[in-house]
Amino acid sequence: MLKGLYVHENNLNGLIFSTIQNLTSLEYISASFNAFEGTIPDTIGQMKNLAALELGSNLLTGIVPPSIYNLSSITVLSLHYNQLNGILPTNIASTLPCLEVLNLAGNHFSGTLPVSLSNISSITRIELRKNKFTGKILWDLGHLKHLENLQIDYNLLGSGEADDLSFLTSLVNCSNLRKLDIGVNYLGGELPKAITNLSTKLIWLSLGENIISGTIPAGMSRLSNLVQLDMNNNQLSGIVPSDIGKLHKLEEIGLSVNMFTGTIPESLGNLSKLSSLQLYGNNFHGTIPSSLGNCQNLNFLAMTQNSLSGTIPKDLFRAVARMNCVVKMMEIGVACSMESPQDRMNLKDATVELLKVKDDLIKGMNFNQMNTYGYSYFPPAAAAEEEEEKQEKEEKKKKWL
């Protein structure tokens, strides 16, 4: 008796056969990462034992058949990155009471987010990013004790009003939350102080590209496991609290294109794992902290369009030079370890490349020979990726509007 159909990560194509409902014993269908096309068969809704339906990353079109939303046994509904459309049922909590994972990212779903979705106490992941959802977020998420991942970025949510972020306060009770991404929407209002009381398990906090105002509240150091902090492109103001320098696991900080004032905190130099620091497009004044030279992993630094003065600390560029040389040596190591002899770098070429790294390091230690631009250092690859991502965001906004 077949209970699981696992055909994910292949090159399968064509239509999903409509007679699949004859496999009444099936509990798991995993067919993601293929090239299936056409619509999702309505007959899947007749499989009353089905617990997981995973059809993500295919070429499926049309709406999700209403019968699927009535499969009360479903725990995983993952249809991400297809070309599906339609709206979510308002009573989704009563029809899918056992849902643990809802992943509809990368489709064309529209309408408002159902209020009842926040009543499914078993849910761990809500991934609705890159769709066309609109309106206010009227969720009270406080009793979702198992919620780990909430991603609703790249939608059209909010209207720039003062209460757009009111739902964030209820997340304080979600003690297992690890990832929160609400970026690239139209969410307004002041940044609530409650964000400092979010789960200590939080590793990803992304609020970028909204219309959020107010200040960064003191107490961010409570988020001790934070790895990425993105508040780029908002209307935030005031000073950057120094206790951010206590978040020792931070690897990326994005505070660009806001209205921050004051000086850049010296405490940022305590972040030994920091690889990306974006502070451009603000009103920072004073000097660039020499403590940033302690950030040995820093490879992307942007401070343009501020009111900074003084000299660029030599230690800062020395740290960047050391990091670039480490990366290059790792690349050489990989090239020398290729399985195929034809692809493997020979000893002579490896020696030449290592001598180049040595020369670059010596030059990098000489401040006068470093490449500078407006208090910023942009590794070529990182700058290209940043520009490409920016263009992609703009194109998606135009397309949606």
Protein backbone atom coordinates (compact mmCIF):
# COMPACT_ATOMS: atom_id res chain seq x y z
CA MET A 1 0.00 0.00 0.00
CA LEU A 2 1.69 3.19 -1.24
CA LYS A 3 1.82 5.90 1.41
CA GLY A 4 4.51 8.20 0.06
CA LEU A 5 5.27 9.43 -3.47
CA TYR A 6 8.66 11.13 -3.53
CA VAL A 7 9.83 12.34 -6.96
CA HIS A 8 11.28 15.74 -6.05
CA GLU A 9 14.46 17.16 -7.58
CA ASN A 10 14.25 15.52 -10.98
CA ASN A 11 13.56 16.71 -14.52
CA LEU A 12 9.99 15.42 -14.68
CA ASN A 13 7.56 17.37 -16.82
CA GLY A 14 4.07 17.32 -18.27
CA LEU A 15 0.78 17.42 -16.40
CA ILE A 16 0.14 16.07 -12.93
CA PHE A 17 -2.15 13.16 -13.73
CA SER A 18 -5.73 13.67 -12.62
CA THR A 19 -6.21 10.01 -11.68
CA ILE A 20 -3.87 10.42 -8.72
CA GLN A 21 -6.90 10.27 -6.42
CA ASN A 22 -7.03 6.53 -7.06
CA LEU A 23 -3.99 6.24 -4.78
CA THR A 24 -6.21 6.63 -1.75
CA SER A 25 -3.56 5.45 0.69
CA LEU A 26 -1.16 8.30 -0.14
CA GLU A 27 -0.18 10.48 2.78
CA TYR A 28 2.78 12.31 1.26
CA ILE A 29 3.26 13.78 -2.21
CA SER A 30 6.66 15.37 -2.75
CA ALA A 31 7.17 16.53 -6.35
CA SER A 32 8.98 19.85 -5.91
CA PHE A 33 11.82 21.03 -8.15
CA ASN A 34 10.66 19.54 -11.41
CA ALA A 35 9.02 20.98 -14.52
CA PHE A 36 5.39 19.94 -14.05
CA GLU A 37 2.98 22.29 -15.77
CA GLY A 38 -0.73 22.91 -16.13
CA THR A 39 -3.12 23.21 -13.21
CA ILE A 40 -3.27 21.34 -9.93
CA PRO A 41 -5.87 18.55 -10.33
CA ASP A 42 -9.01 19.10 -8.30
CA THR A 43 -9.05 15.38 -7.62
CA ILE A 44 -6.17 15.73 -5.14
CA GLY A 45 -8.78 17.19 -2.82
CA GLN A 46 -10.39 13.75 -2.62
CA MET A 47 -7.33 12.20 -0.96
CA LYS A 48 -8.57 12.34 2.62
CA ASN A 49 -5.41 10.81 4.13
CA LEU A 50 -3.04 13.33 2.58
CA ALA A 51 -0.80 15.00 5.15
CA ALA A 52 1.77 16.74 2.92
CA LEU A 53 1.43 18.23 -0.56
CA GLU A 54 4.71 19.60 -1.90
CA LEU A 55 4.64 20.87 -5.49
CA GLY A 56 7.00 23.84 -5.20
CA SER A 57 9.36 25.09 -7.91
CA ASN A 58 7.45 23.81 -10.92
CA LEU A 59 5.54 25.55 -13.73
CA LEU A 60 2.02 25.18 -12.35
CA THR A 61 -0.63 27.76 -13.21
CA GLY A 62 -4.21 28.63 -12.26
CA ILE A 63 -5.76 28.60 -8.81
CA VAL A 64 -5.40 26.15 -5.96
CA PRO A 65 -8.54 23.97 -6.15
CA PRO A 66 -10.91 24.81 -3.25
CA SER A 67 -11.08 21.10 -2.39
CA ILE A 68 -7.41 21.17 -1.32
CA TYR A 69 -8.15 23.82 1.29
CA ASN A 70 -10.68 21.36 2.74
CA LEU A 71 -8.16 18.59 3.39
CA SER A 72 -8.29 18.76 7.18
CA SER A 73 -5.44 16.25 7.53
CA ILE A 74 -2.90 18.46 5.70
CA THR A 75 0.12 19.51 7.78
CA VAL A 76 2.35 20.73 4.92
CA LEU A 77 1.10 22.76 1.95
CA SER A 78 4.11 23.84 -0.08
CA LEU A 79 3.40 25.29 -3.54
CA HIS A 80 6.19 27.86 -3.69
CA TYR A 81 7.63 29.33 -6.88
CA ASN A 82 5.03 28.45 -9.45
CA GLN A 83 2.64 30.75 -11.33
CA LEU A 84 -0.41 30.19 -9.17
CA ASN A 85 -2.95 32.91 -8.40
CA GLY A 86 -6.17 33.50 -6.52
CA ILE A 87 -6.97 34.44 -2.92
CA LEU A 88 -6.68 32.53 0.32
CA PRO A 89 -9.95 31.42 1.97
CA THR A 90 -10.98 33.50 4.95
CA ASN A 91 -11.79 30.37 6.99
CA ILE A 92 -8.45 28.67 6.41
CA ALA A 93 -7.98 28.00 10.13
CA SER A 94 -11.11 25.88 10.33
CA THR A 95 -10.49 23.98 7.08
CA LEU A 96 -6.77 23.33 7.67
CA PRO A 97 -6.61 23.06 11.48
CA CYS A 98 -3.48 20.87 11.54
CA LEU A 99 -1.36 23.01 9.22
CA GLU A 100 2.30 23.32 10.22
CA VAL A 101 3.89 24.66 7.03
CA LEU A 102 2.29 27.06 4.55
CA ASN A 103 4.69 27.99 1.76
CA LEU A 104 3.14 29.84 -1.17
CA ALA A 105 6.15 32.10 -1.89
CA GLY A 106 6.92 33.27 -5.40
CA ASN A 107 3.46 33.12 -6.97
CA HIS A 108 0.74 35.63 -7.89
CA PHE A 109 -1.63 35.28 -4.94
CA SER A 110 -3.53 38.45 -4.14
CA GLY A 111 -6.16 39.82 -1.78
CA THR A 112 -5.76 40.28 1.95
CA LEU A 113 -4.09 37.94 4.41
CA PRO A 114 -6.80 35.91 6.18
CA VAL A 115 -7.12 36.91 9.82
CA SER A 116 -7.89 33.30 10.72
CA LEU A 117 -4.42 32.21 9.58
CA SER A 118 -3.12 33.50 12.90
CA ASN A 119 -5.43 31.07 14.70
CA ILE A 120 -3.70 27.88 13.50
CA SER A 121 -1.82 27.08 16.69
CA SER A 122 0.23 24.25 15.14
CA ILE A 123 1.84 26.39 12.42
CA THR A 124 5.65 26.72 12.35
CA ARG A 125 6.28 28.39 8.98
CA ILE A 126 4.32 31.03 7.09
CA GLU A 127 6.10 31.87 3.84
CA LEU A 128 4.06 34.14 1.59
CA ARG A 129 6.84 36.31 0.17
CA LYS A 130 6.94 37.51 -3.44
CA ASN A 131 3.21 37.63 -4.11
CA LYS A 132 0.66 40.43 -4.51
CA PHE A 133 -1.05 40.46 -1.12
CA THR A 134 -2.49 43.82 -0.11
CA GLY A 135 -4.15 45.55 2.83
CA LYS A 136 -3.53 45.63 6.55
CA ILE A 137 -2.03 42.78 8.52
CA LEU A 138 -4.70 42.13 11.13
CA TRP A 139 -3.03 39.17 12.78
CA ASP A 140 -2.77 38.44 16.49
CA LEU A 141 0.10 35.98 16.45
CA GLY A 142 0.66 35.72 20.18
CA HIS A 143 -0.62 32.19 20.62
CA LEU A 144 1.45 30.68 17.80
CA LYS A 145 3.93 29.13 20.20
CA HIS A 146 5.55 27.00 17.51
CA LEU A 147 6.06 29.74 14.90
CA GLU A 148 9.66 29.78 13.66
CA ASN A 149 9.55 31.49 10.29
CA LEU A 150 7.38 34.41 9.12
CA GLN A 151 8.18 35.77 5.65
CA ILE A 152 5.75 38.15 3.98
CA ASP A 153 8.28 40.37 2.19
CA TYR A 154 7.94 41.51 -1.43
CA ASN A 155 4.20 42.09 -1.34
CA LEU A 156 1.98 45.20 -1.38
CA LEU A 157 1.01 45.08 2.28
CA GLY A 158 0.24 48.16 4.37
CA SER A 159 -0.72 51.69 3.44
CA GLY A 160 1.85 53.78 5.26
CA GLU A 161 -0.47 54.31 8.21
CA ALA A 162 0.46 54.57 11.88
CA ASP A 163 -0.97 51.17 12.89
CA ASP A 164 0.55 49.09 10.08
CA LEU A 165 3.06 47.47 12.43
CA SER A 166 0.69 46.74 15.31
CA PHE A 167 0.87 43.01 14.63
CA LEU A 168 4.57 42.95 15.55
CA THR A 169 3.80 43.41 19.24
CA SER A 170 1.95 40.10 19.38
CA LEU A 171 5.08 38.31 18.12
CA VAL A 172 6.72 38.87 21.50
CA ASN A 173 4.97 35.71 22.69
CA CYS A 174 6.35 33.60 19.84
CA SER A 175 9.35 32.27 21.74
CA ASN A 176 10.56 30.01 18.91
CA LEU A 177 10.66 32.70 16.19
CA ARG A 178 13.91 32.53 14.23
CA LYS A 179 13.21 34.45 11.03
CA LEU A 180 11.07 37.56 10.50
CA ASP A 181 11.00 39.27 7.11
CA ILE A 182 8.43 41.96 6.28
CA GLY A 183 10.60 43.95 3.87
CA VAL A 184 9.66 45.51 0.52
CA ASN A 185 6.06 46.44 1.34
CA TYR A 186 4.25 49.69 2.16
CA LEU A 187 4.25 49.31 5.93
CA GLY A 188 4.27 52.57 7.86
CA GLY A 189 4.12 53.71 11.45
CA GLU A 190 6.76 53.90 14.15
CA LEU A 191 9.04 50.99 14.86
CA PRO A 192 7.58 49.46 18.05
CA LYS A 193 9.82 49.15 21.09
CA ALA A 194 8.51 45.61 21.40
CA ILE A 195 10.96 44.38 18.76
CA THR A 196 13.64 44.29 21.47
CA ASN A 197 11.53 41.66 23.24
CA LEU A 198 11.23 39.31 20.29
CA SER A 199 12.48 35.76 20.67
CA THR A 200 16.11 35.39 21.70
CA LYS A 201 16.27 32.66 19.03
CA LEU A 202 15.78 35.26 16.29
CA ILE A 203 18.60 35.15 13.73
CA TRP A 204 17.06 37.18 10.88
CA LEU A 205 15.22 40.50 11.21
CA SER A 206 14.41 42.25 7.94
CA LEU A 207 12.25 45.38 7.83
CA GLY A 208 13.87 47.08 4.84
CA GLU A 209 12.18 49.08 2.06
CA ASN A 210 9.03 50.17 3.85
CA ILE A 211 7.90 53.54 5.25
CA ILE A 212 8.80 52.83 8.87
CA SER A 213 9.59 55.83 11.06
CA GLY A 214 10.70 56.39 14.64
CA THR A 215 13.98 55.30 16.21
CA ILE A 216 15.81 52.07 16.89
CA PRO A 217 14.93 51.34 20.52
CA ALA A 218 17.59 50.67 23.11
CA GLY A 219 17.72 47.08 24.21
CA MET A 220 18.51 45.45 20.84
CA SER A 221 21.27 43.54 22.62
CA ARG A 222 18.58 41.19 23.96
CA LEU A 223 18.40 39.64 20.48
CA SER A 224 21.65 37.84 21.22
CA ASN A 225 21.50 35.35 18.32
CA LEU A 226 20.81 37.89 15.58
CA VAL A 227 22.88 37.30 12.44
CA GLN A 228 21.22 39.68 9.97
CA LEU A 229 19.63 43.07 10.66
CA ASP A 230 18.10 44.91 7.69
CA MET A 231 16.40 48.29 8.14
CA ASN A 232 17.53 49.84 4.85
CA ASN A 233 15.35 52.32 2.95
CA ASN A 234 12.92 53.53 5.58
CA GLN A 235 12.35 56.81 7.42
CA LEU A 236 14.07 55.92 10.67
CA SER A 237 15.85 58.68 12.58
CA GLY A 238 17.76 59.39 15.76
CA ILE A 239 21.01 57.79 16.82
CA VAL A 240 22.05 54.19 16.37
CA PRO A 241 22.10 52.66 19.89
CA SER A 242 25.55 51.53 20.96
CA ASP A 243 24.27 48.24 22.38
CA ILE A 244 24.02 46.88 18.83
CA GLY A 245 27.74 46.32 19.34
CA LYS A 246 26.86 43.60 21.84
CA LEU A 247 25.23 41.43 19.15
CA HIS A 248 28.37 39.38 18.62
CA LYS A 249 26.83 37.02 16.07
CA LEU A 250 25.85 39.80 13.66
CA GLU A 251 27.21 39.30 10.15
CA GLU A 252 25.16 41.87 8.22
CA ILE A 253 23.86 45.31 9.22
CA GLY A 254 21.77 47.41 6.82
CA LEU A 255 20.77 50.90 7.99
CA SER A 256 21.19 52.77 4.70
CA VAL A 257 18.87 55.43 3.24
CA ASN A 258 17.24 56.58 6.45
CA MET A 259 17.63 59.75 8.52
CA PHE A 260 19.97 58.57 11.25
CA THR A 261 22.06 61.23 12.96
CA GLY A 262 24.88 61.34 15.46
CA THR A 263 28.13 59.44 15.20
CA ILE A 264 28.77 55.89 14.09
CA PRO A 265 29.02 53.82 17.30
CA GLU A 266 32.55 52.73 18.23
CA SER A 267 30.98 49.55 19.59
CA LEU A 268 30.47 48.23 16.05
CA GLY A 269 34.14 47.34 16.17
CA ASN A 270 33.25 44.58 18.64
CA LEU A 271 31.42 42.64 15.93
CA SER A 272 34.14 40.24 14.87
CA LYS A 273 31.85 38.30 12.51
CA LEU A 274 30.58 41.38 10.66
CA SER A 275 30.95 40.98 6.88
CA SER A 276 28.61 43.70 5.57
CA LEU A 277 27.97 47.17 7.01
CA GLN A 278 25.69 49.54 5.08
CA LEU A 279 25.29 53.04 6.50
CA TYR A 280 25.10 55.20 3.35
CA GLY A 281 22.44 57.84 2.74
CA ASN A 282 22.03 59.12 6.30
CA ASN A 283 23.14 62.15 8.34
CA PHE A 284 26.00 60.63 10.31
CA HIS A 285 28.74 63.06 11.30
CA GLY A 286 32.07 62.85 13.04
CA THR A 287 34.86 60.47 12.13
CA ILE A 288 34.87 56.87 10.99
CA PRO A 289 35.54 54.73 14.09
CA SER A 290 39.03 53.25 14.03
CA SER A 291 37.52 50.28 15.90
CA LEU A 292 36.07 49.02 12.61
CA GLY A 293 39.57 47.80 11.85
CA ASN A 294 38.85 45.03 14.35
CA CYS A 295 36.16 43.60 12.05
CA GLN A 296 38.43 41.06 10.39
CA ASN A 297 35.64 39.56 8.25
CA LEU A 298 34.40 42.86 6.83
CA ASN A 299 34.23 42.75 3.02
CA PHE A 300 31.40 45.18 2.23
CA LEU A 301 31.40 48.67 3.69
CA ALA A 302 29.22 51.55 2.46
CA MET A 303 29.25 54.97 4.13
CA THR A 304 28.70 57.36 1.21
CA GLN A 305 26.30 60.33 1.37
CA ASN A 306 26.77 61.25 5.00
CA SER A 307 28.56 64.16 6.70
CA LEU A 308 31.63 62.26 7.86
CA SER A 309 34.94 64.07 8.27
CA GLY A 310 38.53 63.35 9.16
CA THR A 311 40.68 60.60 7.74
CA ILE A 312 39.90 57.01 6.87
CA PRO A 313 41.45 54.75 9.53
CA LYS A 314 44.35 52.77 8.13
CA ASP A 315 43.41 49.72 10.17
CA LEU A 316 40.08 49.58 8.37
CA PHE A 317 41.64 49.02 4.97
CA ARG A 318 44.20 46.67 6.37
CA ALA A 319 41.41 44.48 7.73
CA VAL A 320 39.67 44.50 4.35
CA ALA A 321 42.93 43.64 2.58
CA ARG A 322 43.53 40.68 4.91
CA MET A 323 40.01 39.40 4.32
CA ASN A 324 40.30 39.64 0.53
CA CYS A 325 43.55 37.70 0.63
CA VAL A 326 41.99 34.95 2.76
CA VAL A 327 39.13 34.63 0.25
CA LYS A 328 41.57 34.43 -2.66
CA MET A 329 43.62 31.75 -0.93
CA MET A 330 40.47 29.73 -0.34
CA GLU A 331 39.64 30.00 -4.04
CA ILE A 332 43.12 28.75 -4.93
CA GLY A 333 42.70 25.88 -2.50
CA VAL A 334 39.43 24.85 -4.13
CA ALA A 335 41.01 25.07 -7.61
CA CYS A 336 43.85 22.79 -6.49
CA SER A 337 41.39 20.25 -5.09
CA MET A 338 39.20 19.68 -8.13
CA GLU A 339 38.40 16.01 -8.70
CA SER A 340 39.16 16.08 -12.41
CA PRO A 341 42.90 16.46 -13.28
CA GLN A 342 41.90 18.60 -16.26
CA ASP A 343 40.12 21.07 -14.01
CA ARG A 344 42.71 21.03 -11.23
CA MET A 345 45.14 23.97 -10.91
CA ASN A 346 48.75 22.82 -11.26
CA LEU A 347 51.49 23.63 -8.77
CA LYS A 348 53.18 26.21 -11.00
CA ASP A 349 50.00 28.22 -11.53
CA ALA A 350 49.10 27.92 -7.85
CA THR A 351 52.51 29.32 -6.89
CA VAL A 352 52.04 32.27 -9.25
CA GLU A 353 48.61 33.02 -7.81
CA LEU A 354 49.87 32.80 -4.24
CA LEU A 355 52.66 35.26 -5.03
CA LYS A 356 50.01 37.64 -6.37
CA VAL A 357 48.11 37.29 -3.11
CA LYS A 358 51.29 38.12 -1.22
CA ASP A 359 51.81 41.25 -3.33
CA ASP A 360 48.20 42.31 -2.87
CA LEU A 361 48.49 41.88 0.88
CA ILE A 362 51.64 44.03 1.01
CA LYS A 363 49.94 46.70 -1.08
CA GLY A 364 46.86 46.48 1.09
CA MET A 365 48.91 47.13 4.18
CA ASN A 366 50.10 50.34 2.54
CA PHE A 367 47.19 52.72 3.07
CA ASN A 368 48.17 55.06 0.24
CA GLN A 369 47.82 52.32 -2.37
CA MET A 370 44.34 51.23 -1.34
CA ASN A 371 41.35 51.98 -3.54
CA THR A 372 39.00 54.39 -1.80
CA TYR A 373 35.74 55.99 -2.78
CA GLY A 374 33.77 58.27 -0.54
CA TYR A 375 34.55 56.38 2.67
CA SER A 376 33.32 53.16 1.09
CA TYR A 377 34.90 49.98 -0.02
CA PHE A 378 32.94 47.88 -2.47
CA PRO A 379 34.44 44.57 -3.59
CA PRO A 380 33.60 44.40 -7.33
CA ALA A 381 31.45 41.26 -7.02
CA ALA A 382 29.54 42.58 -4.02
CA ALA A 383 28.88 45.92 -5.72
CA ALA A 384 27.57 44.18 -8.84
CA GLU A 385 25.30 41.92 -6.78
CA GLU A 386 23.99 44.91 -4.83
CA GLU A 387 23.16 46.81 -8.03
CA GLU A 388 21.53 43.75 -9.62
CA GLU A 389 19.36 43.17 -6.54
CA LYS A 390 18.34 46.84 -6.48
CA GLN A 391 17.27 46.73 -10.14
CA GLU A 392 15.32 43.53 -9.56
CA LYS A 393 13.39 45.12 -6.69
CA GLU A 394 12.53 48.16 -8.80
CA GLU A 395 11.35 46.03 -11.71
CA LYS A 396 9.12 43.94 -9.46
CA LYS A 397 7.58 47.05 -7.93
CA LYS A 398 6.78 48.45 -11.38
CA LYS A 399 5.34 45.15 -12.52
CA TRP A 400 3.08 44.79 -9.49
CA LEU A 401 1.84 48.37 -9.69
